């Protein structure tokens, strides 16, 4: 696989941004705190509606963090950033 040039990378990013709705663009600046959420259905509903660009997982189990990340990436146009403490 050939490495993309800086101009190709920039074009790819700008093309992605051009395809995003206003709601998706706004969601990209959100980091939703999932560290105290227990109900996967509630989390999925919030993620589907907000489409956050990031999630905070704090001190939750690996299984739950994998599930929440999978959910977030399902509804996001770009890969979700994960933060933890």
PDB file of N, CA and C in Angstrom:
ATOM      1  N   UNK A   1       0.842  -1.175   0.000  1.00  0.00           N
ATOM      2  CA  UNK A   1       0.000   0.000   0.000  1.00  0.00           C
ATOM      3  C   UNK A   1       0.890   1.242   0.000  1.00  0.00           C
ATOM      4  N   UNK A   2       0.599   2.167  -0.886  1.00  0.00           N
ATOM      5  CA  UNK A   2       1.373   3.390  -1.014  1.00  0.00           C
ATOM      6  C   UNK A   2       0.974   4.405   0.047  1.00  0.00           C
ATOM      7  N   UNK A   3       1.972   5.069   0.609  1.00  0.00           N
ATOM      8  CA  UNK A   3       1.707   6.097   1.614  1.00  0.00           C
ATOM      9  C   UNK A   3       1.105   7.327   0.941  1.00  0.00           C
ATOM     10  N   UNK A   4       0.080   7.885   1.580  1.00  0.00           N
ATOM     11  CA  UNK A   4      -0.572   9.077   1.041  1.00  0.00           C
ATOM     12  C   UNK A   4       0.299  10.307   1.304  1.00  0.00           C
ATOM     13  N   UNK A   5       0.305  11.211   0.351  1.00  0.00           N
ATOM     14  CA  UNK A   5       1.016  12.468   0.551  1.00  0.00           C
ATOM     15  C   UNK A   5       0.210  13.351   1.495  1.00  0.00           C
ATOM     16  N   UNK A   6       0.825  14.401   1.986  1.00  0.00           N
ATOM     17  CA  UNK A   6       0.125  15.327   2.880  1.00  0.00           C
ATOM     18  C   UNK A   6      -1.082  15.946   2.178  1.00  0.00           C
ATOM     19  N   UNK A   7      -0.939  16.290   0.908  1.00  0.00           N
ATOM     20  CA  UNK A   7      -2.066  16.869   0.159  1.00  0.00           C
ATOM     21  C   UNK A   7      -3.197  15.858  -0.011  1.00  0.00           C
ATOM     22  N   UNK A   8      -2.857  14.602  -0.231  1.00  0.00           N
ATOM     23  CA  UNK A   8      -3.882  13.559  -0.364  1.00  0.00           C
ATOM     24  C   UNK A   8      -4.611  13.363   0.969  1.00  0.00           C
ATOM     25  N   UNK A   9      -3.865  13.394   2.064  1.00  0.00           N
ATOM     26  CA  UNK A   9      -4.489  13.253   3.384  1.00  0.00           C
ATOM     27  C   UNK A   9      -5.437  14.413   3.663  1.00  0.00           C
ATOM     28  N   UNK A  10      -4.987  15.621   3.347  1.00  0.00           N
ATOM     29  CA  UNK A  10      -5.827  16.796   3.558  1.00  0.00           C
ATOM     30  C   UNK A  10      -7.089  16.728   2.711  1.00  0.00           C
ATOM     31  N   UNK A  11      -6.963  16.316   1.467  1.00  0.00           N
ATOM     32  CA  UNK A  11      -8.129  16.185   0.584  1.00  0.00           C
ATOM     33  C   UNK A  11      -9.115  15.162   1.149  1.00  0.00           C
ATOM     34  N   UNK A  12      -8.609  14.056   1.646  1.00  0.00           N
ATOM     35  CA  UNK A  12      -9.475  13.022   2.218  1.00  0.00           C
ATOM     36  C   UNK A  12     -10.240  13.571   3.432  1.00  0.00           C
ATOM     37  N   UNK A  13      -9.562  14.316   4.271  1.00  0.00           N
ATOM     38  CA  UNK A  13     -10.205  14.908   5.449  1.00  0.00           C
ATOM     39  C   UNK A  13     -11.277  15.907   5.031  1.00  0.00           C
ATOM     40  N   UNK A  14     -10.915  16.801   4.119  1.00  0.00           N
ATOM     41  CA  UNK A  14     -11.872  17.820   3.675  1.00  0.00           C
ATOM     42  C   UNK A  14     -13.072  17.197   2.970  1.00  0.00           C
ATOM     43  N   UNK A  15     -12.849  16.145   2.197  1.00  0.00           N
ATOM     44  CA  UNK A  15     -13.964  15.437   1.553  1.00  0.00           C
ATOM     45  C   UNK A  15     -14.904  14.847   2.600  1.00  0.00           C
ATOM     46  N   UNK A  16     -14.337  14.279   3.662  1.00  0.00           N
ATOM     47  CA  UNK A  16     -15.151  13.703   4.737  1.00  0.00           C
ATOM     48  C   UNK A  16     -15.973  14.777   5.431  1.00  0.00           C
ATOM     49  N   UNK A  17     -15.343  15.915   5.718  1.00  0.00           N
ATOM     50  CA  UNK A  17     -16.037  17.016   6.390  1.00  0.00           C
ATOM     51  C   UNK A  17     -17.158  17.559   5.512  1.00  0.00           C
ATOM     52  N   UNK A  18     -16.898  17.669   4.210  1.00  0.00           N
ATOM     53  CA  UNK A  18     -17.923  18.177   3.289  1.00  0.00           C
ATOM     54  C   UNK A  18     -19.171  17.294   3.265  1.00  0.00           C
ATOM     55  N   UNK A  19     -19.006  16.012   3.533  1.00  0.00           N
ATOM     56  CA  UNK A  19     -20.129  15.067   3.487  1.00  0.00           C
ATOM     57  C   UNK A  19     -20.915  15.024   4.805  1.00  0.00           C
ATOM     58  N   UNK A  20     -20.391  15.660   5.860  1.00  0.00           N
ATOM     59  CA  UNK A  20     -21.039  15.598   7.172  1.00  0.00           C
ATOM     60  C   UNK A  20     -22.170  16.613   7.287  1.00  0.00           C
ATOM     61  N   UNK A  21     -23.219  16.187   7.973  1.00  0.00           N
ATOM     62  CA  UNK A  21     -24.324  17.109   8.268  1.00  0.00           C
ATOM     63  C   UNK A  21     -23.894  18.048   9.395  1.00  0.00           C
ATOM     64  N   UNK A  22     -24.677  19.095   9.618  1.00  0.00           N
ATOM     65  CA  UNK A  22     -24.394  20.023  10.707  1.00  0.00           C
ATOM     66  C   UNK A  22     -24.389  19.289  12.051  1.00  0.00           C
ATOM     67  N   UNK A  23     -25.321  18.366  12.242  1.00  0.00           N
ATOM     68  CA  UNK A  23     -25.400  17.604  13.491  1.00  0.00           C
ATOM     69  C   UNK A  23     -24.142  16.756  13.684  1.00  0.00           C
ATOM     70  N   UNK A  24     -23.658  16.129  12.600  1.00  0.00           N
ATOM     71  CA  UNK A  24     -22.446  15.311  12.697  1.00  0.00           C
ATOM     72  C   UNK A  24     -21.227  16.176  13.000  1.00  0.00           C
ATOM     73  N   UNK A  25     -21.146  17.344  12.375  1.00  0.00           N
ATOM     74  CA  UNK A  25     -20.029  18.251  12.649  1.00  0.00           C
ATOM     75  C   UNK A  25     -20.039  18.713  14.104  1.00  0.00           C
ATOM     76  N   UNK A  26     -21.207  19.058  14.611  1.00  0.00           N
ATOM     77  CA  UNK A  26     -21.316  19.473  16.018  1.00  0.00           C
ATOM     78  C   UNK A  26     -20.943  18.321  16.948  1.00  0.00           C
ATOM     79  N   UNK A  27     -21.358  17.130  16.617  1.00  0.00           N
ATOM     80  CA  UNK A  27     -21.053  15.958  17.427  1.00  0.00           C
ATOM     81  C   UNK A  27     -19.571  15.682  17.535  1.00  0.00           C
ATOM     82  N   UNK A  28     -18.809  16.059  16.528  1.00  0.00           N
ATOM     83  CA  UNK A  28     -17.371  15.808  16.534  1.00  0.00           C
ATOM     84  C   UNK A  28     -16.647  16.526  17.664  1.00  0.00           C
ATOM     85  N   UNK A  29     -17.199  17.595  18.204  1.00  0.00           N
ATOM     86  CA  UNK A  29     -16.540  18.319  19.294  1.00  0.00           C
ATOM     87  C   UNK A  29     -16.996  17.827  20.667  1.00  0.00           C
ATOM     88  N   UNK A  30     -17.898  16.861  20.711  1.00  0.00           N
ATOM     89  CA  UNK A  30     -18.402  16.333  21.980  1.00  0.00           C
ATOM     90  C   UNK A  30     -17.604  15.123  22.434  1.00  0.00           C
ATOM     91  N   UNK A  31     -17.386  15.049  23.735  1.00  0.00           N
ATOM     92  CA  UNK A  31     -16.799  13.854  24.349  1.00  0.00           C
ATOM     93  C   UNK A  31     -17.773  13.430  25.439  1.00  0.00           C
ATOM     94  N   UNK A  32     -18.477  12.349  25.193  1.00  0.00           N
ATOM     95  CA  UNK A  32     -19.545  11.914  26.084  1.00  0.00           C
ATOM     96  C   UNK A  32     -18.987  11.006  27.186  1.00  0.00           C
ATOM     97  N   UNK A  33     -19.319  11.295  28.442  1.00  0.00           N
ATOM     98  CA  UNK A  33     -18.848  10.539  29.600  1.00  0.00           C
ATOM     99  C   UNK A  33     -19.727   9.300  29.797  1.00  0.00           C
ATOM    100  N   UNK A  34     -19.148   8.136  29.532  1.00  0.00           N
ATOM    101  CA  UNK A  34     -19.879   6.878  29.691  1.00  0.00           C
ATOM    102  C   UNK A  34     -19.450   6.113  30.936  1.00  0.00           C
ATOM    103  N   UNK A  35     -18.607   6.719  31.761  1.00  0.00           N
ATOM    104  CA  UNK A  35     -18.003   6.000  32.888  1.00  0.00           C
ATOM    105  C   UNK A  35     -19.010   5.534  33.934  1.00  0.00           C
ATOM    106  N   UNK A  36     -20.161   6.181  34.033  1.00  0.00           N
ATOM    107  CA  UNK A  36     -21.142   5.782  35.043  1.00  0.00           C
ATOM    108  C   UNK A  36     -22.425   5.235  34.428  1.00  0.00           C
ATOM    109  N   UNK A  37     -22.369   4.900  33.152  1.00  0.00           N
ATOM    110  CA  UNK A  37     -23.551   4.359  32.475  1.00  0.00           C
ATOM    111  C   UNK A  37     -23.523   2.834  32.539  1.00  0.00           C
ATOM    112  N   UNK A  38     -24.662   2.241  32.895  1.00  0.00           N
ATOM    113  CA  UNK A  38     -24.754   0.789  33.001  1.00  0.00           C
ATOM    114  C   UNK A  38     -25.641   0.159  31.941  1.00  0.00           C
ATOM    115  N   UNK A  39     -26.587   0.930  31.423  1.00  0.00           N
ATOM    116  CA  UNK A  39     -27.581   0.389  30.501  1.00  0.00           C
ATOM    117  C   UNK A  39     -27.127   0.583  29.046  1.00  0.00           C
ATOM    118  N   UNK A  40     -26.719  -0.507  28.367  1.00  0.00           N
ATOM    119  CA  UNK A  40     -26.263  -0.388  26.980  1.00  0.00           C
ATOM    120  C   UNK A  40     -27.307   0.223  26.044  1.00  0.00           C
ATOM    121  N   UNK A  41     -28.588  -0.027  26.276  1.00  0.00           N
ATOM    122  CA  UNK A  41     -29.633   0.554  25.423  1.00  0.00           C
ATOM    123  C   UNK A  41     -29.683   2.073  25.576  1.00  0.00           C
ATOM    124  N   UNK A  42     -29.533   2.546  26.800  1.00  0.00           N
ATOM    125  CA  UNK A  42     -29.506   3.990  27.049  1.00  0.00           C
ATOM    126  C   UNK A  42     -28.287   4.623  26.370  1.00  0.00           C
ATOM    127  N   UNK A  43     -27.140   3.971  26.512  1.00  0.00           N
ATOM    128  CA  UNK A  43     -25.906   4.467  25.896  1.00  0.00           C
ATOM    129  C   UNK A  43     -26.047   4.529  24.379  1.00  0.00           C
ATOM    130  N   UNK A  44     -26.578   3.465  23.790  1.00  0.00           N
ATOM    131  CA  UNK A  44     -26.727   3.446  22.339  1.00  0.00           C
ATOM    132  C   UNK A  44     -27.675   4.546  21.859  1.00  0.00           C
ATOM    133  N   UNK A  45     -28.758   4.758  22.578  1.00  0.00           N
ATOM    134  CA  UNK A  45     -29.719   5.806  22.197  1.00  0.00           C
ATOM    135  C   UNK A  45     -29.041   7.182  22.233  1.00  0.00           C
ATOM    136  N   UNK A  46     -28.265   7.448  23.285  1.00  0.00           N
ATOM    137  CA  UNK A  46     -27.568   8.733  23.411  1.00  0.00           C
ATOM    138  C   UNK A  46     -26.528   8.885  22.310  1.00  0.00           C
ATOM    139  N   UNK A  47     -25.750   7.844  22.067  1.00  0.00           N
ATOM    140  CA  UNK A  47     -24.706   7.891  21.033  1.00  0.00           C
ATOM    141  C   UNK A  47     -25.327   8.082  19.653  1.00  0.00           C
ATOM    142  N   UNK A  48     -26.406   7.375  19.389  1.00  0.00           N
ATOM    143  CA  UNK A  48     -27.073   7.506  18.094  1.00  0.00           C
ATOM    144  C   UNK A  48     -27.565   8.938  17.869  1.00  0.00           C
ATOM    145  N   UNK A  49     -28.084   9.545  18.918  1.00  0.00           N
ATOM    146  CA  UNK A  49     -28.617  10.901  18.807  1.00  0.00           C
ATOM    147  C   UNK A  49     -27.507  11.946  18.749  1.00  0.00           C
ATOM    148  N   UNK A  50     -26.480  11.819  19.592  1.00  0.00           N
ATOM    149  CA  UNK A  50     -25.454  12.851  19.721  1.00  0.00           C
ATOM    150  C   UNK A  50     -24.286  12.685  18.745  1.00  0.00           C
ATOM    151  N   UNK A  51     -23.995  11.459  18.339  1.00  0.00           N
ATOM    152  CA  UNK A  51     -22.868  11.160  17.448  1.00  0.00           C
ATOM    153  C   UNK A  51     -21.580  11.848  17.907  1.00  0.00           C
ATOM    154  N   UNK A  52     -21.138  11.537  19.151  1.00  0.00           N
ATOM    155  CA  UNK A  52     -19.972  12.237  19.688  1.00  0.00           C
ATOM    156  C   UNK A  52     -18.679  11.856  18.955  1.00  0.00           C
ATOM    157  N   UNK A  53     -17.751  12.802  18.928  1.00  0.00           N
ATOM    158  CA  UNK A  53     -16.443  12.547  18.325  1.00  0.00           C
ATOM    159  C   UNK A  53     -15.521  11.820  19.281  1.00  0.00           C
ATOM    160  N   UNK A  54     -15.919  11.775  20.556  1.00  0.00           N
ATOM    161  CA  UNK A  54     -15.111  11.102  21.558  1.00  0.00           C
ATOM    162  C   UNK A  54     -15.979  10.557  22.681  1.00  0.00           C
ATOM    163  N   UNK A  55     -15.434   9.553  23.371  1.00  0.00           N
ATOM    164  CA  UNK A  55     -16.111   9.020  24.550  1.00  0.00           C
ATOM    165  C   UNK A  55     -15.105   8.906  25.686  1.00  0.00           C
ATOM    166  N   UNK A  56     -15.578   9.138  26.895  1.00  0.00           N
ATOM    167  CA  UNK A  56     -14.765   8.959  28.095  1.00  0.00           C
ATOM    168  C   UNK A  56     -15.270   7.700  28.774  1.00  0.00           C
ATOM    169  N   UNK A  57     -14.374   6.730  28.962  1.00  0.00           N
ATOM    170  CA  UNK A  57     -14.811   5.448  29.516  1.00  0.00           C
ATOM    171  C   UNK A  57     -14.425   5.257  30.977  1.00  0.00           C
ATOM    172  N   UNK A  58     -13.505   6.051  31.480  1.00  0.00           N
ATOM    173  CA  UNK A  58     -13.159   5.982  32.895  1.00  0.00           C
ATOM    174  C   UNK A  58     -12.816   4.580  33.349  1.00  0.00           C
ATOM    175  N   UNK A  59     -13.359   4.195  34.478  1.00  0.00           N
ATOM    176  CA  UNK A  59     -13.021   2.916  35.101  1.00  0.00           C
ATOM    177  C   UNK A  59     -14.151   1.906  34.893  1.00  0.00           C
ATOM    178  N   UNK A  60     -14.322   1.453  33.652  1.00  0.00           N
ATOM    179  CA  UNK A  60     -15.332   0.435  33.360  1.00  0.00           C
ATOM    180  C   UNK A  60     -14.623  -0.812  32.823  1.00  0.00           C
ATOM    181  N   UNK A  61     -15.341  -1.898  32.765  1.00  0.00           N
ATOM    182  CA  UNK A  61     -14.747  -3.165  32.323  1.00  0.00           C
ATOM    183  C   UNK A  61     -14.346  -3.100  30.851  1.00  0.00           C
ATOM    184  N   UNK A  62     -13.404  -3.951  30.476  1.00  0.00           N
ATOM    185  CA  UNK A  62     -12.960  -4.018  29.084  1.00  0.00           C
ATOM    186  C   UNK A  62     -14.122  -4.391  28.173  1.00  0.00           C
ATOM    187  N   UNK A  63     -14.956  -5.312  28.616  1.00  0.00           N
ATOM    188  CA  UNK A  63     -16.097  -5.736  27.808  1.00  0.00           C
ATOM    189  C   UNK A  63     -17.038  -4.570  27.532  1.00  0.00           C
ATOM    190  N   UNK A  64     -17.318  -3.797  28.585  1.00  0.00           N
ATOM    191  CA  UNK A  64     -18.222  -2.667  28.429  1.00  0.00           C
ATOM    192  C   UNK A  64     -17.586  -1.571  27.565  1.00  0.00           C
ATOM    193  N   UNK A  65     -16.301  -1.321  27.763  1.00  0.00           N
ATOM    194  CA  UNK A  65     -15.644  -0.292  26.946  1.00  0.00           C
ATOM    195  C   UNK A  65     -15.603  -0.710  25.480  1.00  0.00           C
ATOM    196  N   UNK A  66     -15.362  -1.996  25.206  1.00  0.00           N
ATOM    197  CA  UNK A  66     -15.391  -2.497  23.821  1.00  0.00           C
ATOM    198  C   UNK A  66     -16.782  -2.331  23.213  1.00  0.00           C
ATOM    199  N   UNK A  67     -17.806  -2.635  23.987  1.00  0.00           N
ATOM    200  CA  UNK A  67     -19.183  -2.512  23.513  1.00  0.00           C
ATOM    201  C   UNK A  67     -19.516  -1.054  23.208  1.00  0.00           C
ATOM    202  N   UNK A  68     -19.189  -0.147  24.138  1.00  0.00           N
ATOM    203  CA  UNK A  68     -19.506   1.265  23.949  1.00  0.00           C
ATOM    204  C   UNK A  68     -18.734   1.856  22.770  1.00  0.00           C
ATOM    205  N   UNK A  69     -17.468   1.462  22.609  1.00  0.00           N
ATOM    206  CA  UNK A  69     -16.680   1.955  21.480  1.00  0.00           C
ATOM    207  C   UNK A  69     -17.257   1.455  20.163  1.00  0.00           C
ATOM    208  N   UNK A  70     -17.662   0.205  20.132  1.00  0.00           N
ATOM    209  CA  UNK A  70     -18.290  -0.358  18.929  1.00  0.00           C
ATOM    210  C   UNK A  70     -19.558   0.412  18.579  1.00  0.00           C
ATOM    211  N   UNK A  71     -20.368   0.712  19.592  1.00  0.00           N
ATOM    212  CA  UNK A  71     -21.590   1.484  19.373  1.00  0.00           C
ATOM    213  C   UNK A  71     -21.258   2.871  18.825  1.00  0.00           C
ATOM    214  N   UNK A  72     -20.307   3.532  19.453  1.00  0.00           N
ATOM    215  CA  UNK A  72     -19.955   4.894  19.045  1.00  0.00           C
ATOM    216  C   UNK A  72     -19.448   4.915  17.607  1.00  0.00           C
ATOM    217  N   UNK A  73     -18.610   3.962  17.248  1.00  0.00           N
ATOM    218  CA  UNK A  73     -18.077   3.922  15.882  1.00  0.00           C
ATOM    219  C   UNK A  73     -19.143   3.554  14.855  1.00  0.00           C
ATOM    220  N   UNK A  74     -20.182   2.861  15.277  1.00  0.00           N
ATOM    221  CA  UNK A  74     -21.272   2.508  14.375  1.00  0.00           C
ATOM    222  C   UNK A  74     -22.030   3.747  13.902  1.00  0.00           C
ATOM    223  N   UNK A  75     -22.131   4.745  14.766  1.00  0.00           N
ATOM    224  CA  UNK A  75     -22.921   5.935  14.446  1.00  0.00           C
ATOM    225  C   UNK A  75     -22.071   7.145  14.046  1.00  0.00           C
ATOM    226  N   UNK A  76     -20.764   7.017  14.108  1.00  0.00           N
ATOM    227  CA  UNK A  76     -19.887   8.145  13.802  1.00  0.00           C
ATOM    228  C   UNK A  76     -19.337   8.040  12.383  1.00  0.00           C
ATOM    229  N   UNK A  77     -19.178   9.183  11.745  1.00  0.00           N
ATOM    230  CA  UNK A  77     -18.621   9.229  10.396  1.00  0.00           C
ATOM    231  C   UNK A  77     -17.118   8.976  10.432  1.00  0.00           C
ATOM    232  N   UNK A  78     -16.471   9.414  11.523  1.00  0.00           N
ATOM    233  CA  UNK A  78     -15.026   9.240  11.694  1.00  0.00           C
ATOM    234  C   UNK A  78     -14.773   8.368  12.920  1.00  0.00           C
ATOM    235  N   UNK A  79     -13.591   7.749  13.010  1.00  0.00           N
ATOM    236  CA  UNK A  79     -13.286   6.955  14.213  1.00  0.00           C
ATOM    237  C   UNK A  79     -13.377   7.813  15.474  1.00  0.00           C
ATOM    238  N   UNK A  80     -13.958   7.250  16.509  1.00  0.00           N
ATOM    239  CA  UNK A  80     -14.179   7.958  17.765  1.00  0.00           C
ATOM    240  C   UNK A  80     -12.898   7.946  18.597  1.00  0.00           C
ATOM    241  N   UNK A  81     -12.612   9.069  19.244  1.00  0.00           N
ATOM    242  CA  UNK A  81     -11.476   9.165  20.153  1.00  0.00           C
ATOM    243  C   UNK A  81     -11.927   8.686  21.525  1.00  0.00           C
ATOM    244  N   UNK A  82     -11.117   7.822  22.154  1.00  0.00           N
ATOM    245  CA  UNK A  82     -11.443   7.283  23.476  1.00  0.00           C
ATOM    246  C   UNK A  82     -10.505   7.886  24.503  1.00  0.00           C
ATOM    247  N   UNK A  83     -11.078   8.380  25.589  1.00  0.00           N
ATOM    248  CA  UNK A  83     -10.245   8.867  26.694  1.00  0.00           C
ATOM    249  C   UNK A  83     -10.631   8.108  27.965  1.00  0.00           C
ATOM    250  N   UNK A  84      -9.658   7.966  28.839  1.00  0.00           N
ATOM    251  CA  UNK A  84      -9.876   7.248  30.099  1.00  0.00           C
ATOM    252  C   UNK A  84      -9.004   7.878  31.177  1.00  0.00           C
ATOM    253  N   UNK A  85      -9.330   7.566  32.400  1.00  0.00           N
ATOM    254  CA  UNK A  85      -8.566   8.107  33.518  1.00  0.00           C
ATOM    255  C   UNK A  85      -8.092   6.969  34.364  1.00  0.00           C
TER     256      UNK A  85
END
